[in-house]
């Protein structure tokens, strides 16, 4: 998995990096939620406008994005044997 370029993000979402929201997209992409996000009570997500976030309960985000896949996207800390 790699990060999209700024141009790729804008082409796919119509939003600039730093403002991307999982809501209101013309062609909703596959949405992945890192499982650590759902361990938080409240979270902030992009609103579509830079410098403006939406704060909501993580359970509400999960409910609203019912087709999103929840998985671990973070690397585990490597420890020497």
PDB file of N, CA and C in Angstrom:
ATOM      1  N   UNK A   1       0.849  -1.151   0.000  1.00  0.00           N
ATOM      2  CA  UNK A   1       0.000   0.000   0.000  1.00  0.00           C
ATOM      3  C   UNK A   1       0.904   1.226   0.000  1.00  0.00           C
ATOM      4  N   UNK A   2       0.545   2.213  -0.804  1.00  0.00           N
ATOM      5  CA  UNK A   2       1.302   3.464  -0.847  1.00  0.00           C
ATOM      6  C   UNK A   2       0.333   4.634  -0.710  1.00  0.00           C
ATOM      7  N   UNK A   3       0.872   5.766  -0.357  1.00  0.00           N
ATOM      8  CA  UNK A   3       0.072   6.979  -0.249  1.00  0.00           C
ATOM      9  C   UNK A   3      -0.144   7.546  -1.644  1.00  0.00           C
ATOM     10  N   UNK A   4      -1.323   8.062  -1.881  1.00  0.00           N
ATOM     11  CA  UNK A   4      -1.631   8.702  -3.155  1.00  0.00           C
ATOM     12  C   UNK A   4      -0.945  10.062  -3.222  1.00  0.00           C
ATOM     13  N   UNK A   5      -0.645  10.501  -4.432  1.00  0.00           N
ATOM     14  CA  UNK A   5      -0.074  11.834  -4.612  1.00  0.00           C
ATOM     15  C   UNK A   5      -1.194  12.862  -4.436  1.00  0.00           C
ATOM     16  N   UNK A   6      -0.817  14.106  -4.274  1.00  0.00           N
ATOM     17  CA  UNK A   6      -1.814  15.171  -4.131  1.00  0.00           C
ATOM     18  C   UNK A   6      -2.736  15.219  -5.355  1.00  0.00           C
ATOM     19  N   UNK A   7      -2.161  15.029  -6.523  1.00  0.00           N
ATOM     20  CA  UNK A   7      -2.953  15.049  -7.751  1.00  0.00           C
ATOM     21  C   UNK A   7      -3.936  13.875  -7.802  1.00  0.00           C
ATOM     22  N   UNK A   8      -3.479  12.708  -7.388  1.00  0.00           N
ATOM     23  CA  UNK A   8      -4.351  11.523  -7.375  1.00  0.00           C
ATOM     24  C   UNK A   8      -5.502  11.686  -6.384  1.00  0.00           C
ATOM     25  N   UNK A   9      -5.202  12.256  -5.221  1.00  0.00           N
ATOM     26  CA  UNK A   9      -6.249  12.483  -4.218  1.00  0.00           C
ATOM     27  C   UNK A   9      -7.296  13.444  -4.767  1.00  0.00           C
ATOM     28  N   UNK A  10      -6.860  14.540  -5.356  1.00  0.00           N
ATOM     29  CA  UNK A  10      -7.807  15.517  -5.895  1.00  0.00           C
ATOM     30  C   UNK A  10      -8.634  14.921  -7.028  1.00  0.00           C
ATOM     31  N   UNK A  11      -7.999  14.174  -7.910  1.00  0.00           N
ATOM     32  CA  UNK A  11      -8.726  13.560  -9.028  1.00  0.00           C
ATOM     33  C   UNK A  11      -9.777  12.567  -8.541  1.00  0.00           C
ATOM     34  N   UNK A  12      -9.472  11.833  -7.487  1.00  0.00           N
ATOM     35  CA  UNK A  12     -10.394  10.805  -6.988  1.00  0.00           C
ATOM     36  C   UNK A  12     -11.498  11.369  -6.106  1.00  0.00           C
ATOM     37  N   UNK A  13     -11.213  12.464  -5.389  1.00  0.00           N
ATOM     38  CA  UNK A  13     -12.171  12.940  -4.384  1.00  0.00           C
ATOM     39  C   UNK A  13     -12.712  14.339  -4.635  1.00  0.00           C
ATOM     40  N   UNK A  14     -11.963  15.151  -5.353  1.00  0.00           N
ATOM     41  CA  UNK A  14     -12.342  16.554  -5.502  1.00  0.00           C
ATOM     42  C   UNK A  14     -11.902  17.391  -4.306  1.00  0.00           C
ATOM     43  N   UNK A  15     -11.231  16.763  -3.341  1.00  0.00           N
ATOM     44  CA  UNK A  15     -10.742  17.453  -2.153  1.00  0.00           C
ATOM     45  C   UNK A  15      -9.227  17.543  -2.198  1.00  0.00           C
ATOM     46  N   UNK A  16      -8.698  18.574  -1.573  1.00  0.00           N
ATOM     47  CA  UNK A  16      -7.252  18.724  -1.423  1.00  0.00           C
ATOM     48  C   UNK A  16      -6.793  17.938  -0.201  1.00  0.00           C
ATOM     49  N   UNK A  17      -5.541  17.490  -0.216  1.00  0.00           N
ATOM     50  CA  UNK A  17      -4.970  16.799   0.943  1.00  0.00           C
ATOM     51  C   UNK A  17      -5.110  17.723   2.159  1.00  0.00           C
ATOM     52  N   UNK A  18      -5.505  17.145   3.265  1.00  0.00           N
ATOM     53  CA  UNK A  18      -5.731  17.919   4.478  1.00  0.00           C
ATOM     54  C   UNK A  18      -7.190  18.261   4.687  1.00  0.00           C
ATOM     55  N   UNK A  19      -8.035  17.913   3.700  1.00  0.00           N
ATOM     56  CA  UNK A  19      -9.458  18.234   3.815  1.00  0.00           C
ATOM     57  C   UNK A  19     -10.352  17.076   3.390  1.00  0.00           C
ATOM     58  N   UNK A  20      -9.764  15.953   3.053  1.00  0.00           N
ATOM     59  CA  UNK A  20     -10.531  14.840   2.501  1.00  0.00           C
ATOM     60  C   UNK A  20     -11.516  14.290   3.533  1.00  0.00           C
ATOM     61  N   UNK A  21     -12.728  14.129   3.099  1.00  0.00           N
ATOM     62  CA  UNK A  21     -13.786  13.569   3.938  1.00  0.00           C
ATOM     63  C   UNK A  21     -14.256  12.264   3.309  1.00  0.00           C
ATOM     64  N   UNK A  22     -14.675  11.304   4.127  1.00  0.00           N
ATOM     65  CA  UNK A  22     -15.222  10.074   3.549  1.00  0.00           C
ATOM     66  C   UNK A  22     -16.674  10.242   3.098  1.00  0.00           C
ATOM     67  N   UNK A  23     -17.231  11.433   3.291  1.00  0.00           N
ATOM     68  CA  UNK A  23     -18.629  11.692   2.938  1.00  0.00           C
ATOM     69  C   UNK A  23     -18.725  12.638   1.747  1.00  0.00           C
ATOM     70  N   UNK A  24     -19.795  12.504   0.978  1.00  0.00           N
ATOM     71  CA  UNK A  24     -20.069  13.423  -0.115  1.00  0.00           C
ATOM     72  C   UNK A  24     -19.180  13.259  -1.326  1.00  0.00           C
ATOM     73  N   UNK A  25     -18.575  12.107  -1.482  1.00  0.00           N
ATOM     74  CA  UNK A  25     -17.696  11.878  -2.626  1.00  0.00           C
ATOM     75  C   UNK A  25     -18.521  11.490  -3.848  1.00  0.00           C
ATOM     76  N   UNK A  26     -18.155  12.011  -5.020  1.00  0.00           N
ATOM     77  CA  UNK A  26     -18.928  11.691  -6.229  1.00  0.00           C
ATOM     78  C   UNK A  26     -18.879  10.201  -6.588  1.00  0.00           C
ATOM     79  N   UNK A  27     -17.747   9.575  -6.397  1.00  0.00           N
ATOM     80  CA  UNK A  27     -17.570   8.141  -6.651  1.00  0.00           C
ATOM     81  C   UNK A  27     -16.928   7.536  -5.415  1.00  0.00           C
ATOM     82  N   UNK A  28     -17.726   7.136  -4.430  1.00  0.00           N
ATOM     83  CA  UNK A  28     -17.154   6.654  -3.171  1.00  0.00           C
ATOM     84  C   UNK A  28     -16.141   5.530  -3.383  1.00  0.00           C
ATOM     85  N   UNK A  29     -14.925   5.726  -2.866  1.00  0.00           N
ATOM     86  CA  UNK A  29     -13.893   4.698  -3.001  1.00  0.00           C
ATOM     87  C   UNK A  29     -14.036   3.648  -1.898  1.00  0.00           C
ATOM     88  N   UNK A  30     -13.211   2.662  -1.949  1.00  0.00           N
ATOM     89  CA  UNK A  30     -13.109   1.692  -0.864  1.00  0.00           C
ATOM     90  C   UNK A  30     -12.602   2.455   0.360  1.00  0.00           C
ATOM     91  N   UNK A  31     -13.303   2.331   1.478  1.00  0.00           N
ATOM     92  CA  UNK A  31     -12.918   3.050   2.697  1.00  0.00           C
ATOM     93  C   UNK A  31     -12.387   2.045   3.705  1.00  0.00           C
ATOM     94  N   UNK A  32     -11.198   2.337   4.226  1.00  0.00           N
ATOM     95  CA  UNK A  32     -10.563   1.502   5.237  1.00  0.00           C
ATOM     96  C   UNK A  32     -10.472   2.307   6.528  1.00  0.00           C
ATOM     97  N   UNK A  33     -10.802   1.679   7.644  1.00  0.00           N
ATOM     98  CA  UNK A  33     -10.680   2.318   8.953  1.00  0.00           C
ATOM     99  C   UNK A  33      -9.691   1.505   9.778  1.00  0.00           C
ATOM    100  N   UNK A  34      -8.626   2.166  10.228  1.00  0.00           N
ATOM    101  CA  UNK A  34      -7.685   1.471  11.097  1.00  0.00           C
ATOM    102  C   UNK A  34      -8.395   1.153  12.407  1.00  0.00           C
ATOM    103  N   UNK A  35      -8.220  -0.056  12.895  1.00  0.00           N
ATOM    104  CA  UNK A  35      -8.928  -0.468  14.107  1.00  0.00           C
ATOM    105  C   UNK A  35      -8.609   0.407  15.311  1.00  0.00           C
ATOM    106  N   UNK A  36      -7.447   1.047  15.321  1.00  0.00           N
ATOM    107  CA  UNK A  36      -7.092   1.921  16.450  1.00  0.00           C
ATOM    108  C   UNK A  36      -8.010   3.145  16.529  1.00  0.00           C
ATOM    109  N   UNK A  37      -8.552   3.559  15.387  1.00  0.00           N
ATOM    110  CA  UNK A  37      -9.474   4.704  15.367  1.00  0.00           C
ATOM    111  C   UNK A  37     -10.708   4.397  16.198  1.00  0.00           C
ATOM    112  N   UNK A  38     -11.198   3.187  16.109  1.00  0.00           N
ATOM    113  CA  UNK A  38     -12.428   2.822  16.801  1.00  0.00           C
ATOM    114  C   UNK A  38     -12.233   2.624  18.299  1.00  0.00           C
ATOM    115  N   UNK A  39     -10.985   2.638  18.745  1.00  0.00           N
ATOM    116  CA  UNK A  39     -10.721   2.557  20.192  1.00  0.00           C
ATOM    117  C   UNK A  39     -10.853   3.916  20.862  1.00  0.00           C
ATOM    118  N   UNK A  40     -10.894   4.968  20.061  1.00  0.00           N
ATOM    119  CA  UNK A  40     -11.056   6.327  20.588  1.00  0.00           C
ATOM    120  C   UNK A  40     -12.544   6.635  20.711  1.00  0.00           C
ATOM    121  N   UNK A  41     -12.911   7.394  21.735  1.00  0.00           N
ATOM    122  CA  UNK A  41     -14.312   7.770  21.904  1.00  0.00           C
ATOM    123  C   UNK A  41     -14.721   8.793  20.855  1.00  0.00           C
ATOM    124  N   UNK A  42     -13.934   9.868  20.730  1.00  0.00           N
ATOM    125  CA  UNK A  42     -14.203  10.905  19.741  1.00  0.00           C
ATOM    126  C   UNK A  42     -13.022  11.014  18.791  1.00  0.00           C
ATOM    127  N   UNK A  43     -13.324  11.344  17.548  1.00  0.00           N
ATOM    128  CA  UNK A  43     -12.284  11.511  16.536  1.00  0.00           C
ATOM    129  C   UNK A  43     -12.600  12.742  15.702  1.00  0.00           C
ATOM    130  N   UNK A  44     -11.633  13.213  14.936  1.00  0.00           N
ATOM    131  CA  UNK A  44     -11.890  14.295  13.995  1.00  0.00           C
ATOM    132  C   UNK A  44     -11.514  13.805  12.606  1.00  0.00           C
ATOM    133  N   UNK A  45     -12.324  14.196  11.640  1.00  0.00           N
ATOM    134  CA  UNK A  45     -12.087  13.803  10.249  1.00  0.00           C
ATOM    135  C   UNK A  45     -12.168  15.040   9.370  1.00  0.00           C
ATOM    136  N   UNK A  46     -11.683  14.902   8.141  1.00  0.00           N
ATOM    137  CA  UNK A  46     -11.756  16.002   7.191  1.00  0.00           C
ATOM    138  C   UNK A  46     -13.193  16.391   6.899  1.00  0.00           C
ATOM    139  N   UNK A  47     -13.381  17.672   6.605  1.00  0.00           N
ATOM    140  CA  UNK A  47     -14.721  18.192   6.333  1.00  0.00           C
ATOM    141  C   UNK A  47     -14.921  18.570   4.871  1.00  0.00           C
ATOM    142  N   UNK A  48     -13.838  18.523   4.100  1.00  0.00           N
ATOM    143  CA  UNK A  48     -13.897  19.000   2.725  1.00  0.00           C
ATOM    144  C   UNK A  48     -13.301  20.394   2.594  1.00  0.00           C
ATOM    145  N   UNK A  49     -13.082  21.053   3.742  1.00  0.00           N
ATOM    146  CA  UNK A  49     -12.488  22.391   3.765  1.00  0.00           C
ATOM    147  C   UNK A  49     -11.248  22.349   4.650  1.00  0.00           C
ATOM    148  N   UNK A  50     -10.141  22.887   4.162  1.00  0.00           N
ATOM    149  CA  UNK A  50      -8.928  22.927   4.977  1.00  0.00           C
ATOM    150  C   UNK A  50      -9.167  23.755   6.229  1.00  0.00           C
ATOM    151  N   UNK A  51      -8.514  23.354   7.302  1.00  0.00           N
ATOM    152  CA  UNK A  51      -8.605  24.022   8.605  1.00  0.00           C
ATOM    153  C   UNK A  51      -9.971  23.878   9.269  1.00  0.00           C
ATOM    154  N   UNK A  52     -10.806  22.980   8.774  1.00  0.00           N
ATOM    155  CA  UNK A  52     -12.111  22.724   9.384  1.00  0.00           C
ATOM    156  C   UNK A  52     -12.293  21.224   9.478  1.00  0.00           C
ATOM    157  N   UNK A  53     -12.511  20.735  10.694  1.00  0.00           N
ATOM    158  CA  UNK A  53     -12.683  19.300  10.904  1.00  0.00           C
ATOM    159  C   UNK A  53     -14.080  19.023  11.448  1.00  0.00           C
ATOM    160  N   UNK A  54     -14.481  17.790  11.320  1.00  0.00           N
ATOM    161  CA  UNK A  54     -15.729  17.314  11.902  1.00  0.00           C
ATOM    162  C   UNK A  54     -15.336  16.424  13.076  1.00  0.00           C
ATOM    163  N   UNK A  55     -15.879  16.712  14.241  1.00  0.00           N
ATOM    164  CA  UNK A  55     -15.611  15.905  15.427  1.00  0.00           C
ATOM    165  C   UNK A  55     -16.852  15.083  15.708  1.00  0.00           C
ATOM    166  N   UNK A  56     -16.641  13.777  15.844  1.00  0.00           N
ATOM    167  CA  UNK A  56     -17.766  12.882  16.085  1.00  0.00           C
ATOM    168  C   UNK A  56     -17.311  11.663  16.874  1.00  0.00           C
ATOM    169  N   UNK A  57     -18.263  10.928  17.358  1.00  0.00           N
ATOM    170  CA  UNK A  57     -17.972   9.678  18.067  1.00  0.00           C
ATOM    171  C   UNK A  57     -17.486   8.666  17.035  1.00  0.00           C
ATOM    172  N   UNK A  58     -16.471   7.902  17.400  1.00  0.00           N
ATOM    173  CA  UNK A  58     -15.946   6.903  16.453  1.00  0.00           C
ATOM    174  C   UNK A  58     -17.020   5.880  16.108  1.00  0.00           C
ATOM    175  N   UNK A  59     -17.887   5.545  17.048  1.00  0.00           N
ATOM    176  CA  UNK A  59     -18.978   4.600  16.774  1.00  0.00           C
ATOM    177  C   UNK A  59     -19.932   5.167  15.726  1.00  0.00           C
ATOM    178  N   UNK A  60     -20.144   6.487  15.744  1.00  0.00           N
ATOM    179  CA  UNK A  60     -21.012   7.111  14.737  1.00  0.00           C
ATOM    180  C   UNK A  60     -20.367   7.074  13.357  1.00  0.00           C
ATOM    181  N   UNK A  61     -19.053   7.283  13.300  1.00  0.00           N
ATOM    182  CA  UNK A  61     -18.347   7.174  12.023  1.00  0.00           C
ATOM    183  C   UNK A  61     -18.493   5.762  11.474  1.00  0.00           C
ATOM    184  N   UNK A  62     -18.261   4.774  12.321  1.00  0.00           N
ATOM    185  CA  UNK A  62     -18.353   3.379  11.901  1.00  0.00           C
ATOM    186  C   UNK A  62     -19.767   3.056  11.415  1.00  0.00           C
ATOM    187  N   UNK A  63     -20.766   3.559  12.104  1.00  0.00           N
ATOM    188  CA  UNK A  63     -22.162   3.321  11.715  1.00  0.00           C
ATOM    189  C   UNK A  63     -22.483   4.009  10.380  1.00  0.00           C
ATOM    190  N   UNK A  64     -21.983   5.228  10.204  1.00  0.00           N
ATOM    191  CA  UNK A  64     -22.251   5.985   8.982  1.00  0.00           C
ATOM    192  C   UNK A  64     -21.536   5.388   7.764  1.00  0.00           C
ATOM    193  N   UNK A  65     -20.378   4.796   8.002  1.00  0.00           N
ATOM    194  CA  UNK A  65     -19.606   4.176   6.915  1.00  0.00           C
ATOM    195  C   UNK A  65     -19.752   2.668   7.003  1.00  0.00           C
ATOM    196  N   UNK A  66     -20.978   2.205   6.920  1.00  0.00           N
ATOM    197  CA  UNK A  66     -21.271   0.786   7.162  1.00  0.00           C
ATOM    198  C   UNK A  66     -20.563  -0.164   6.206  1.00  0.00           C
ATOM    199  N   UNK A  67     -20.136   0.307   5.039  1.00  0.00           N
ATOM    200  CA  UNK A  67     -19.423  -0.561   4.094  1.00  0.00           C
ATOM    201  C   UNK A  67     -17.907  -0.479   4.237  1.00  0.00           C
ATOM    202  N   UNK A  68     -17.441   0.342   5.171  1.00  0.00           N
ATOM    203  CA  UNK A  68     -15.996   0.475   5.372  1.00  0.00           C
ATOM    204  C   UNK A  68     -15.431  -0.808   5.965  1.00  0.00           C
ATOM    205  N   UNK A  69     -14.190  -1.087   5.598  1.00  0.00           N
ATOM    206  CA  UNK A  69     -13.487  -2.246   6.146  1.00  0.00           C
ATOM    207  C   UNK A  69     -12.648  -1.791   7.334  1.00  0.00           C
ATOM    208  N   UNK A  70     -12.755  -2.515   8.437  1.00  0.00           N
ATOM    209  CA  UNK A  70     -11.962  -2.206   9.629  1.00  0.00           C
ATOM    210  C   UNK A  70     -10.828  -3.214   9.692  1.00  0.00           C
ATOM    211  N   UNK A  71      -9.588  -2.716   9.738  1.00  0.00           N
ATOM    212  CA  UNK A  71      -8.425  -3.588   9.797  1.00  0.00           C
ATOM    213  C   UNK A  71      -7.259  -2.832  10.399  1.00  0.00           C
ATOM    214  N   UNK A  72      -6.187  -3.533  10.672  1.00  0.00           N
ATOM    215  CA  UNK A  72      -4.995  -2.902  11.228  1.00  0.00           C
ATOM    216  C   UNK A  72      -4.117  -2.422  10.077  1.00  0.00           C
ATOM    217  N   UNK A  73      -3.939  -1.122  10.005  1.00  0.00           N
ATOM    218  CA  UNK A  73      -3.133  -0.531   8.945  1.00  0.00           C
ATOM    219  C   UNK A  73      -1.789  -0.033   9.441  1.00  0.00           C
ATOM    220  N   UNK A  74      -1.562  -0.102  10.739  1.00  0.00           N
ATOM    221  CA  UNK A  74      -0.307   0.399  11.299  1.00  0.00           C
ATOM    222  C   UNK A  74       0.681  -0.751  11.439  1.00  0.00           C
ATOM    223  N   UNK A  75       1.942  -0.402  11.299  1.00  0.00           N
ATOM    224  CA  UNK A  75       2.987  -1.399  11.441  1.00  0.00           C
ATOM    225  C   UNK A  75       3.172  -1.736  12.911  1.00  0.00           C
ATOM    226  N   UNK A  76       3.369  -2.979  13.181  1.00  0.00           N
ATOM    227  CA  UNK A  76       3.685  -3.405  14.538  1.00  0.00           C
ATOM    228  C   UNK A  76       5.139  -3.007  14.809  1.00  0.00           C
ATOM    229  N   UNK A  77       5.416  -2.643  16.040  1.00  0.00           N
ATOM    230  CA  UNK A  77       6.787  -2.290  16.400  1.00  0.00           C
ATOM    231  C   UNK A  77       7.644  -3.543  16.296  1.00  0.00           C
ATOM    232  N   UNK A  78       8.772  -3.429  15.613  1.00  0.00           N
ATOM    233  CA  UNK A  78       9.651  -4.573  15.446  1.00  0.00           C
ATOM    234  C   UNK A  78      10.534  -4.695  16.680  1.00  0.00           C
ATOM    235  N   UNK A  79      10.637  -5.894  17.177  1.00  0.00           N
ATOM    236  CA  UNK A  79      11.501  -6.151  18.341  1.00  0.00           C
ATOM    237  C   UNK A  79      12.474  -7.268  17.977  1.00  0.00           C
ATOM    238  N   UNK A  80      13.690  -7.072  18.378  1.00  0.00           N
ATOM    239  CA  UNK A  80      14.711  -8.082  18.133  1.00  0.00           C
ATOM    240  C   UNK A  80      14.409  -9.339  18.949  1.00  0.00           C
ATOM    241  N   UNK A  81      14.625 -10.525  18.365  1.00  0.00           N
ATOM    242  CA  UNK A  81      14.337 -11.771  19.103  1.00  0.00           C
ATOM    243  C   UNK A  81      15.228 -11.986  20.304  1.00  0.00           C
TER     244      UNK A  81
END
